Amino acid sequence: DARAAEEGSRVRLAAIAKRLDLRPADPGQIVMIPPSLVALSPTS
C-alpha cells in the first residue's frame, strides 16, 4: 500500500510523464461526439 501510494503520487507521476514526454491535452484537440451518434437506436 505504501509503495502504491508512493508510485501514484503526483510528483512521481509528473516525473514519469516528463520522461515519456507526455503533456496535457490541448483544449482545441478535444472532440465532443454527440450522444445520438454514440448510441444509435433504430428510428422505428
All heavy atoms as atom14 arrays in JSON, in Angstrom:
{
  "sequence": "DARAAEEGSRVRLAAIAKRLDLRPADPGQIVMIPPSLVALSPTS",
  "atom14_mask": [
    [1, 1, 1, 1, 1, 1, 1, 1, 0, 0, 0, 0, 0, 0],
    [1, 1, 1, 1, 1, 0, 0, 0, 0, 0, 0, 0, 0, 0],
    [1, 1, 1, 1, 1, 1, 1, 1, 1, 1, 1, 0, 0, 0],
    [1, 1, 1, 1, 1, 0, 0, 0, 0, 0, 0, 0, 0, 0],
    [1, 1, 1, 1, 1, 0, 0, 0, 0, 0, 0, 0, 0, 0],
    [1, 1, 1, 1, 1, 1, 1, 1, 1, 0, 0, 0, 0, 0],
    [1, 1, 1, 1, 1, 1, 1, 1, 1, 0, 0, 0, 0, 0],
    [1, 1, 1, 1, 0, 0, 0, 0, 0, 0, 0, 0, 0, 0],
    [1, 1, 1, 1, 1, 1, 0, 0, 0, 0, 0, 0, 0, 0],
    [1, 1, 1, 1, 1, 1, 1, 1, 1, 1, 1, 0, 0, 0],
    [1, 1, 1, 1, 1, 1, 1, 0, 0, 0, 0, 0, 0, 0],
    [1, 1, 1, 1, 1, 1, 1, 1, 1, 1, 1, 0, 0, 0],
    [1, 1, 1, 1, 1, 1, 1, 1, 0, 0, 0, 0, 0, 0],
    [1, 1, 1, 1, 1, 0, 0, 0, 0, 0, 0, 0, 0, 0],
    [1, 1, 1, 1, 1, 0, 0, 0, 0, 0, 0, 0, 0, 0],
    [1, 1, 1, 1, 1, 1, 1, 1, 0, 0, 0, 0, 0, 0],
    [1, 1, 1, 1, 1, 0, 0, 0, 0, 0, 0, 0, 0, 0],
    [1, 1, 1, 1, 1, 1, 1, 1, 1, 0, 0, 0, 0, 0],
    [1, 1, 1, 1, 1, 1, 1, 1, 1, 1, 1, 0, 0, 0],
    [1, 1, 1, 1, 1, 1, 1, 1, 0, 0, 0, 0, 0, 0],
    [1, 1, 1, 1, 1, 1, 1, 1, 0, 0, 0, 0, 0, 0],
    [1, 1, 1, 1, 1, 1, 1, 1, 0, 0, 0, 0, 0, 0],
    [1, 1, 1, 1, 1, 1, 1, 1, 1, 1, 1, 0, 0, 0],
    [1, 1, 1, 1, 1, 1, 1, 0, 0, 0, 0, 0, 0, 0],
    [1, 1, 1, 1, 1, 0, 0, 0, 0, 0, 0, 0, 0, 0],
    [1, 1, 1, 1, 1, 1, 1, 1, 0, 0, 0, 0, 0, 0],
    [1, 1, 1, 1, 1, 1, 1, 0, 0, 0, 0, 0, 0, 0],
    [1, 1, 1, 1, 0, 0, 0, 0, 0, 0, 0, 0, 0, 0],
    [1, 1, 1, 1, 1, 1, 1, 1, 1, 0, 0, 0, 0, 0],
    [1, 1, 1, 1, 1, 1, 1, 1, 0, 0, 0, 0, 0, 0],
    [1, 1, 1, 1, 1, 1, 1, 0, 0, 0, 0, 0, 0, 0],
    [1, 1, 1, 1, 1, 1, 1, 1, 0, 0, 0, 0, 0, 0],
    [1, 1, 1, 1, 1, 1, 1, 1, 0, 0, 0, 0, 0, 0],
    [1, 1, 1, 1, 1, 1, 1, 0, 0, 0, 0, 0, 0, 0],
    [1, 1, 1, 1, 1, 1, 1, 0, 0, 0, 0, 0, 0, 0],
    [1, 1, 1, 1, 1, 1, 0, 0, 0, 0, 0, 0, 0, 0],
    [1, 1, 1, 1, 1, 1, 1, 1, 0, 0, 0, 0, 0, 0],
    [1, 1, 1, 1, 1, 1, 1, 0, 0, 0, 0, 0, 0, 0],
    [1, 1, 1, 1, 1, 0, 0, 0, 0, 0, 0, 0, 0, 0],
    [1, 1, 1, 1, 1, 1, 1, 1, 0, 0, 0, 0, 0, 0],
    [1, 1, 1, 1, 1, 1, 0, 0, 0, 0, 0, 0, 0, 0],
    [1, 1, 1, 1, 1, 1, 1, 0, 0, 0, 0, 0, 0, 0],
    [1, 1, 1, 1, 1, 1, 1, 0, 0, 0, 0, 0, 0, 0],
    [1, 1, 1, 1, 1, 1, 0, 0, 0, 0, 0, 0, 0, 0]
  ],
  "atom14_positions": [
    [[0.83, -1.21, 0.0], [0.0, 0.0, 0.0], [0.86, 1.25, 0.0], [0.59, 2.22, -0.72], [-0.94, 0.01, 1.21], [-2.09, -0.97, 1.06], [-2.36, -1.42, -0.08], [-2.73, -1.28, 2.09], [0.0, 0.0, 0.0], [0.0, 0.0, 0.0], [0.0, 0.0, 0.0], [0.0, 0.0, 0.0], [0.0, 0.0, 0.0], [0.0, 0.0, 0.0]],
    [[1.91, 1.24, 0.84], [2.81, 2.39, 0.89], [3.52, 2.58, -0.44], [3.67, 3.71, -0.93], [3.82, 2.22, 2.02], [0.0, 0.0, 0.0], [0.0, 0.0, 0.0], [0.0, 0.0, 0.0], [0.0, 0.0, 0.0], [0.0, 0.0, 0.0], [0.0, 0.0, 0.0], [0.0, 0.0, 0.0], [0.0, 0.0, 0.0], [0.0, 0.0, 0.0]],
    [[3.94, 1.48, -1.04], [4.63, 1.57, -2.33], [3.69, 2.07, -3.42], [4.09, 2.88, -4.27], [5.21, 0.22, -2.69], [6.11, 0.28, -3.87], [6.92, -0.96, -4.02], [7.72, -0.86, -5.24], [8.25, -1.88, -5.84], [8.1, -3.08, -5.35], [8.95, -1.72, -6.93], [0.0, 0.0, 0.0], [0.0, 0.0, 0.0], [0.0, 0.0, 0.0]],
    [[2.46, 1.6, -3.41], [1.48, 2.06, -4.4], [1.18, 3.55, -4.22], [1.05, 4.29, -5.2], [0.2, 1.25, -4.3], [0.0, 0.0, 0.0], [0.0, 0.0, 0.0], [0.0, 0.0, 0.0], [0.0, 0.0, 0.0], [0.0, 0.0, 0.0], [0.0, 0.0, 0.0], [0.0, 0.0, 0.0], [0.0, 0.0, 0.0], [0.0, 0.0, 0.0]],
    [[1.09, 3.99, -2.97], [0.85, 5.41, -2.72], [2.04, 6.24, -3.19], [1.86, 7.34, -3.75], [0.6, 5.64, -1.24], [0.0, 0.0, 0.0], [0.0, 0.0, 0.0], [0.0, 0.0, 0.0], [0.0, 0.0, 0.0], [0.0, 0.0, 0.0], [0.0, 0.0, 0.0], [0.0, 0.0, 0.0], [0.0, 0.0, 0.0], [0.0, 0.0, 0.0]],
    [[3.24, 5.72, -2.98], [4.44, 6.43, -3.41], [4.52, 6.49, -4.93], [4.83, 7.53, -5.51], [5.69, 5.73, -2.87], [6.99, 6.37, -3.29], [8.18, 5.56, -2.82], [8.09, 4.95, -1.74], [9.19, 5.54, -3.54], [0.0, 0.0, 0.0], [0.0, 0.0, 0.0], [0.0, 0.0, 0.0], [0.0, 0.0, 0.0], [0.0, 0.0, 0.0]],
    [[4.23, 5.38, -5.6], [4.29, 5.35, -7.07], [3.17, 6.16, -7.7], [3.33, 6.67, -8.82], [4.22, 3.9, -7.58], [5.39, 3.04, -7.2], [6.67, 3.45, -7.91], [6.6, 3.86, -9.08], [7.75, 3.37, -7.28], [0.0, 0.0, 0.0], [0.0, 0.0, 0.0], [0.0, 0.0, 0.0], [0.0, 0.0, 0.0], [0.0, 0.0, 0.0]],
    [[2.06, 6.32, -7.01], [0.93, 7.05, -7.56], [0.88, 8.5, -7.16], [-0.09, 9.19, -7.46], [0.0, 0.0, 0.0], [0.0, 0.0, 0.0], [0.0, 0.0, 0.0], [0.0, 0.0, 0.0], [0.0, 0.0, 0.0], [0.0, 0.0, 0.0], [0.0, 0.0, 0.0], [0.0, 0.0, 0.0], [0.0, 0.0, 0.0], [0.0, 0.0, 0.0]],
    [[1.92, 8.99, -6.5], [1.91, 10.39, -6.07], [2.07, 11.3, -7.29], [2.59, 10.9, -8.34], [3.02, 10.64, -5.06], [4.28, 10.54, -5.69], [0.0, 0.0, 0.0], [0.0, 0.0, 0.0], [0.0, 0.0, 0.0], [0.0, 0.0, 0.0], [0.0, 0.0, 0.0], [0.0, 0.0, 0.0], [0.0, 0.0, 0.0], [0.0, 0.0, 0.0]],
    [[1.65, 12.55, -7.14], [1.74, 13.5, -8.25], [3.18, 13.74, -8.67], [3.47, 13.86, -9.87], [1.09, 14.82, -7.86], [-0.41, 14.74, -7.78], [-0.97, 16.1, -7.38], [-2.4, 16.04, -7.36], [-3.16, 16.69, -8.21], [-2.63, 17.46, -9.12], [-4.47, 16.58, -8.15], [0.0, 0.0, 0.0], [0.0, 0.0, 0.0], [0.0, 0.0, 0.0]],
    [[4.08, 13.81, -7.7], [5.47, 14.07, -8.02], [6.03, 12.93, -8.86], [6.71, 13.15, -9.88], [6.29, 14.27, -6.72], [7.76, 14.39, -7.01], [5.77, 15.46, -5.95], [0.0, 0.0, 0.0], [0.0, 0.0, 0.0], [0.0, 0.0, 0.0], [0.0, 0.0, 0.0], [0.0, 0.0, 0.0], [0.0, 0.0, 0.0], [0.0, 0.0, 0.0]],
    [[5.77, 11.7, -8.46], [6.28, 10.53, -9.18], [5.65, 10.44, -10.58], [6.34, 10.17, -11.56], [5.97, 9.27, -8.37], [6.43, 8.01, -8.99], [7.91, 7.82, -8.81], [8.26, 6.51, -9.33], [9.36, 6.25, -9.99], [10.24, 7.19, -10.17], [9.59, 5.06, -10.44], [0.0, 0.0, 0.0], [0.0, 0.0, 0.0], [0.0, 0.0, 0.0]],
    [[4.33, 10.67, -10.66], [3.66, 10.62, -11.96], [4.14, 11.74, -12.88], [4.26, 11.55, -14.09], [2.16, 10.67, -11.79], [1.53, 9.43, -11.15], [0.04, 9.64, -10.96], [1.8, 8.19, -11.96], [0.0, 0.0, 0.0], [0.0, 0.0, 0.0], [0.0, 0.0, 0.0], [0.0, 0.0, 0.0], [0.0, 0.0, 0.0], [0.0, 0.0, 0.0]],
    [[4.43, 12.91, -12.31], [4.94, 14.01, -13.12], [6.32, 13.66, -13.68], [6.62, 13.97, -14.85], [5.01, 15.29, -12.29], [0.0, 0.0, 0.0], [0.0, 0.0, 0.0], [0.0, 0.0, 0.0], [0.0, 0.0, 0.0], [0.0, 0.0, 0.0], [0.0, 0.0, 0.0], [0.0, 0.0, 0.0], [0.0, 0.0, 0.0], [0.0, 0.0, 0.0]],
    [[7.14, 13.01, -12.87], [8.47, 12.6, -13.35], [8.34, 11.57, -14.47], [9.06, 11.64, -15.49], [9.29, 12.04, -12.19], [0.0, 0.0, 0.0], [0.0, 0.0, 0.0], [0.0, 0.0, 0.0], [0.0, 0.0, 0.0], [0.0, 0.0, 0.0], [0.0, 0.0, 0.0], [0.0, 0.0, 0.0], [0.0, 0.0, 0.0], [0.0, 0.0, 0.0]],
    [[7.43, 10.63, -14.34], [7.22, 9.62, -15.39], [6.68, 10.28, -16.65], [7.13, 9.98, -17.76], [6.27, 8.51, -14.89], [6.94, 7.71, -13.78], [5.85, 7.6, -16.02], [6.02, 6.73, -13.09], [0.0, 0.0, 0.0], [0.0, 0.0, 0.0], [0.0, 0.0, 0.0], [0.0, 0.0, 0.0], [0.0, 0.0, 0.0], [0.0, 0.0, 0.0]],
    [[5.74, 11.22, -16.5], [5.18, 11.91, -17.67], [6.25, 12.73, -18.38], [6.3, 12.78, -19.62], [4.03, 12.81, -17.23], [0.0, 0.0, 0.0], [0.0, 0.0, 0.0], [0.0, 0.0, 0.0], [0.0, 0.0, 0.0], [0.0, 0.0, 0.0], [0.0, 0.0, 0.0], [0.0, 0.0, 0.0], [0.0, 0.0, 0.0], [0.0, 0.0, 0.0]],
    [[7.13, 13.37, -17.62], [8.21, 14.15, -18.23], [9.17, 13.23, -18.98], [9.61, 13.54, -20.09], [8.94, 14.94, -17.15], [9.94, 15.91, -17.7], [10.53, 16.75, -16.6], [11.48, 17.78, -17.21], [12.06, 18.64, -16.18], [0.0, 0.0, 0.0], [0.0, 0.0, 0.0], [0.0, 0.0, 0.0], [0.0, 0.0, 0.0], [0.0, 0.0, 0.0]],
    [[9.49, 12.08, -18.38], [10.4, 11.15, -19.03], [9.8, 10.6, -20.33], [10.49, 10.37, -21.31], [10.72, 10.0, -18.06], [11.81, 9.07, -18.59], [12.11, 7.94, -17.63], [10.99, 7.0, -17.64], [10.48, 6.43, -16.57], [10.97, 6.69, -15.38], [9.46, 5.59, -16.66], [0.0, 0.0, 0.0], [0.0, 0.0, 0.0], [0.0, 0.0, 0.0]],
    [[8.47, 10.37, -20.34], [7.81, 9.85, -21.53], [7.35, 10.96, -22.48], [6.71, 10.68, -23.49], [6.6, 9.0, -21.12], [6.92, 7.73, -20.34], [5.63, 7.06, -19.88], [7.74, 6.77, -21.18], [0.0, 0.0, 0.0], [0.0, 0.0, 0.0], [0.0, 0.0, 0.0], [0.0, 0.0, 0.0], [0.0, 0.0, 0.0], [0.0, 0.0, 0.0]],
    [[7.67, 12.21, -22.14], [7.32, 13.38, -22.93], [5.8, 13.5, -23.11], [5.29, 13.73, -24.21], [8.03, 13.35, -24.29], [8.02, 14.71, -24.96], [7.98, 15.72, -24.22], [8.03, 14.77, -26.21], [0.0, 0.0, 0.0], [0.0, 0.0, 0.0], [0.0, 0.0, 0.0], [0.0, 0.0, 0.0], [0.0, 0.0, 0.0], [0.0, 0.0, 0.0]],
    [[5.08, 13.31, -22.03], [3.62, 13.48, -22.03], [3.29, 14.87, -21.53], [3.98, 15.43, -20.68], [2.96, 12.44, -21.12], [3.14, 10.98, -21.5], [2.52, 10.09, -20.44], [2.51, 10.69, -22.84], [0.0, 0.0, 0.0], [0.0, 0.0, 0.0], [0.0, 0.0, 0.0], [0.0, 0.0, 0.0], [0.0, 0.0, 0.0], [0.0, 0.0, 0.0]],
    [[2.22, 15.45, -22.07], [1.78, 16.76, -21.61], [0.26, 16.77, -21.67], [-0.35, 15.94, -22.35], [2.41, 17.86, -22.45], [2.12, 17.79, -23.9], [2.87, 18.9, -24.65], [2.55, 18.85, -26.06], [3.15, 18.06, -26.93], [4.12, 17.28, -26.55], [2.8, 18.07, -28.19], [0.0, 0.0, 0.0], [0.0, 0.0, 0.0], [0.0, 0.0, 0.0]],
    [[-0.35, 17.74, -20.99], [-1.81, 17.79, -21.0], [-2.34, 18.03, -22.42], [-1.67, 18.61, -23.28], [-2.14, 18.98, -20.1], [-0.92, 19.23, -19.31], [0.24, 18.72, -20.11], [0.0, 0.0, 0.0], [0.0, 0.0, 0.0], [0.0, 0.0, 0.0], [0.0, 0.0, 0.0], [0.0, 0.0, 0.0], [0.0, 0.0, 0.0], [0.0, 0.0, 0.0]],
    [[-3.55, 17.58, -22.64], [-4.17, 17.72, -23.96], [-4.49, 19.18, -24.23], [-4.85, 19.94, -23.33], [-5.43, 16.89, -24.03], [0.0, 0.0, 0.0], [0.0, 0.0, 0.0], [0.0, 0.0, 0.0], [0.0, 0.0, 0.0], [0.0, 0.0, 0.0], [0.0, 0.0, 0.0], [0.0, 0.0, 0.0], [0.0, 0.0, 0.0], [0.0, 0.0, 0.0]],
    [[-4.36, 19.57, -25.48], [-4.71, 20.91, -25.91], [-6.23, 20.98, -26.01], [-6.86, 20.11, -26.64], [-4.07, 21.2, -27.26], [-4.32, 22.62, -27.73], [-4.67, 23.46, -26.89], [-4.15, 22.87, -28.94], [0.0, 0.0, 0.0], [0.0, 0.0, 0.0], [0.0, 0.0, 0.0], [0.0, 0.0, 0.0], [0.0, 0.0, 0.0], [0.0, 0.0, 0.0]],
    [[-6.87, 21.96, -25.37], [-8.33, 22.02, -25.43], [-8.88, 22.09, -26.85], [-10.0, 21.65, -27.1], [-8.68, 23.29, -24.65], [-7.51, 23.55, -23.79], [-6.32, 23.0, -24.51], [0.0, 0.0, 0.0], [0.0, 0.0, 0.0], [0.0, 0.0, 0.0], [0.0, 0.0, 0.0], [0.0, 0.0, 0.0], [0.0, 0.0, 0.0], [0.0, 0.0, 0.0]],
    [[-8.09, 22.59, -27.77], [-8.55, 22.65, -29.15], [-8.58, 21.29, -29.82], [-9.2, 21.12, -30.87], [0.0, 0.0, 0.0], [0.0, 0.0, 0.0], [0.0, 0.0, 0.0], [0.0, 0.0, 0.0], [0.0, 0.0, 0.0], [0.0, 0.0, 0.0], [0.0, 0.0, 0.0], [0.0, 0.0, 0.0], [0.0, 0.0, 0.0], [0.0, 0.0, 0.0]],
    [[-7.92, 20.31, -29.25], [-7.86, 18.98, -29.85], [-8.95, 18.04, -29.32], [-9.07, 16.93, -29.79], [-6.5, 18.34, -29.59], [-5.37, 19.05, -30.3], [-4.02, 18.43, -29.94], [-3.9, 17.77, -28.92], [-3.04, 18.66, -30.8], [0.0, 0.0, 0.0], [0.0, 0.0, 0.0], [0.0, 0.0, 0.0], [0.0, 0.0, 0.0], [0.0, 0.0, 0.0]],
    [[-9.7, 18.48, -28.36], [-10.74, 17.63, -27.78], [-11.97, 17.67, -28.68], [-12.45, 18.72, -29.07], [-11.11, 18.11, -26.35], [-9.88, 17.98, -25.46], [-12.28, 17.3, -25.81], [-10.07, 18.51, -24.07], [0.0, 0.0, 0.0], [0.0, 0.0, 0.0], [0.0, 0.0, 0.0], [0.0, 0.0, 0.0], [0.0, 0.0, 0.0], [0.0, 0.0, 0.0]],
    [[-12.45, 16.51, -29.04], [-13.62, 16.39, -29.92], [-14.77, 15.83, -29.11], [-14.63, 14.83, -28.42], [-13.3, 15.44, -31.1], [-14.53, 15.24, -31.98], [-12.13, 15.95, -31.89], [0.0, 0.0, 0.0], [0.0, 0.0, 0.0], [0.0, 0.0, 0.0], [0.0, 0.0, 0.0], [0.0, 0.0, 0.0], [0.0, 0.0, 0.0], [0.0, 0.0, 0.0]],
    [[-15.9, 16.5, -29.17], [-17.1, 16.03, -28.48], [-17.99, 15.31, -29.49], [-18.34, 15.86, -30.53], [-17.86, 17.21, -27.88], [-17.09, 17.95, -26.8], [-16.74, 16.95, -25.37], [-18.34, 16.79, -24.67], [0.0, 0.0, 0.0], [0.0, 0.0, 0.0], [0.0, 0.0, 0.0], [0.0, 0.0, 0.0], [0.0, 0.0, 0.0], [0.0, 0.0, 0.0]],
    [[-18.35, 14.09, -29.19], [-19.21, 13.31, -30.06], [-20.63, 13.41, -29.51], [-20.85, 13.16, -28.32], [-18.76, 11.84, -30.12], [-17.34, 11.77, -30.68], [-19.72, 11.01, -30.96], [-16.75, 10.38, -30.66], [0.0, 0.0, 0.0], [0.0, 0.0, 0.0], [0.0, 0.0, 0.0], [0.0, 0.0, 0.0], [0.0, 0.0, 0.0], [0.0, 0.0, 0.0]],
    [[-21.58, 13.77, -30.33], [-22.95, 13.88, -29.83], [-23.48, 12.53, -29.37], [-23.16, 11.49, -29.96], [-23.75, 14.38, -31.04], [-22.78, 14.64, -32.12], [-21.45, 14.13, -31.72], [0.0, 0.0, 0.0], [0.0, 0.0, 0.0], [0.0, 0.0, 0.0], [0.0, 0.0, 0.0], [0.0, 0.0, 0.0], [0.0, 0.0, 0.0], [0.0, 0.0, 0.0]],
    [[-24.26, 12.52, -28.32], [-24.8, 11.25, -27.82], [-25.64, 10.5, -28.84], [-25.74, 9.28, -28.79], [-25.66, 11.66, -26.62], [-25.23, 13.03, -26.26], [-24.64, 13.64, -27.49], [0.0, 0.0, 0.0], [0.0, 0.0, 0.0], [0.0, 0.0, 0.0], [0.0, 0.0, 0.0], [0.0, 0.0, 0.0], [0.0, 0.0, 0.0], [0.0, 0.0, 0.0]],
    [[-26.22, 11.19, -29.78], [-27.04, 10.5, -30.77], [-26.2, 9.62, -31.68], [-26.68, 8.62, -32.2], [-27.83, 11.51, -31.61], [-26.91, 12.36, -32.3], [0.0, 0.0, 0.0], [0.0, 0.0, 0.0], [0.0, 0.0, 0.0], [0.0, 0.0, 0.0], [0.0, 0.0, 0.0], [0.0, 0.0, 0.0], [0.0, 0.0, 0.0], [0.0, 0.0, 0.0]],
    [[-24.9, 9.95, -31.84], [-24.03, 9.12, -32.66], [-23.4, 7.98, -31.87], [-23.02, 6.97, -32.44], [-22.92, 9.97, -33.3], [-23.37, 10.98, -34.35], [-22.19, 11.78, -34.85], [-24.05, 10.28, -35.5], [0.0, 0.0, 0.0], [0.0, 0.0, 0.0], [0.0, 0.0, 0.0], [0.0, 0.0, 0.0], [0.0, 0.0, 0.0], [0.0, 0.0, 0.0]],
    [[-23.24, 8.18, -30.57], [-22.59, 7.16, -29.75], [-23.49, 5.95, -29.6], [-23.06, 4.82, -29.75], [-22.2, 7.74, -28.37], [-21.67, 6.65, -27.47], [-21.17, 8.83, -28.54], [0.0, 0.0, 0.0], [0.0, 0.0, 0.0], [0.0, 0.0, 0.0], [0.0, 0.0, 0.0], [0.0, 0.0, 0.0], [0.0, 0.0, 0.0], [0.0, 0.0, 0.0]],
    [[-24.72, 6.17, -29.28], [-25.64, 5.04, -29.07], [-26.82, 5.21, -30.0], [-27.88, 5.67, -29.6], [-26.09, 5.0, -27.62], [0.0, 0.0, 0.0], [0.0, 0.0, 0.0], [0.0, 0.0, 0.0], [0.0, 0.0, 0.0], [0.0, 0.0, 0.0], [0.0, 0.0, 0.0], [0.0, 0.0, 0.0], [0.0, 0.0, 0.0], [0.0, 0.0, 0.0]],
    [[-26.62, 4.85, -31.23], [-27.71, 4.96, -32.2], [-28.76, 3.9, -31.92], [-28.45, 2.73, -31.72], [-27.18, 4.78, -33.62], [-26.41, 5.96, -34.21], [-25.88, 5.59, -35.58], [-27.29, 7.18, -34.31], [0.0, 0.0, 0.0], [0.0, 0.0, 0.0], [0.0, 0.0, 0.0], [0.0, 0.0, 0.0], [0.0, 0.0, 0.0], [0.0, 0.0, 0.0]],
    [[-29.98, 4.35, -31.91], [-31.07, 3.39, -31.78], [-31.89, 3.46, -33.06], [-31.96, 4.5, -33.72], [-31.94, 3.73, -30.57], [-32.48, 5.01, -30.73], [0.0, 0.0, 0.0], [0.0, 0.0, 0.0], [0.0, 0.0, 0.0], [0.0, 0.0, 0.0], [0.0, 0.0, 0.0], [0.0, 0.0, 0.0], [0.0, 0.0, 0.0], [0.0, 0.0, 0.0]],
    [[-32.48, 2.38, -33.45], [-33.27, 2.41, -34.68], [-34.41, 3.41, -34.55], [-35.01, 3.55, -33.5], [-33.78, 0.99, -34.84], [-33.42, 0.27, -33.61], [-32.48, 1.1, -32.83], [0.0, 0.0, 0.0], [0.0, 0.0, 0.0], [0.0, 0.0, 0.0], [0.0, 0.0, 0.0], [0.0, 0.0, 0.0], [0.0, 0.0, 0.0], [0.0, 0.0, 0.0]],
    [[-34.65, 4.16, -35.63], [-35.7, 5.17, -35.59], [-37.08, 4.55, -35.43], [-37.91, 5.05, -34.7], [-35.66, 6.04, -36.87], [-35.72, 5.17, -38.0], [-34.38, 6.86, -36.92], [0.0, 0.0, 0.0], [0.0, 0.0, 0.0], [0.0, 0.0, 0.0], [0.0, 0.0, 0.0], [0.0, 0.0, 0.0], [0.0, 0.0, 0.0], [0.0, 0.0, 0.0]],
    [[-37.31, 3.47, -36.12], [-38.57, 2.77, -35.94], [-38.25, 1.37, -35.41], [-37.61, 0.57, -36.08], [-39.35, 2.67, -37.26], [-38.58, 1.97, -38.2], [0.0, 0.0, 0.0], [0.0, 0.0, 0.0], [0.0, 0.0, 0.0], [0.0, 0.0, 0.0], [0.0, 0.0, 0.0], [0.0, 0.0, 0.0], [0.0, 0.0, 0.0], [0.0, 0.0, 0.0]]
  ]
}
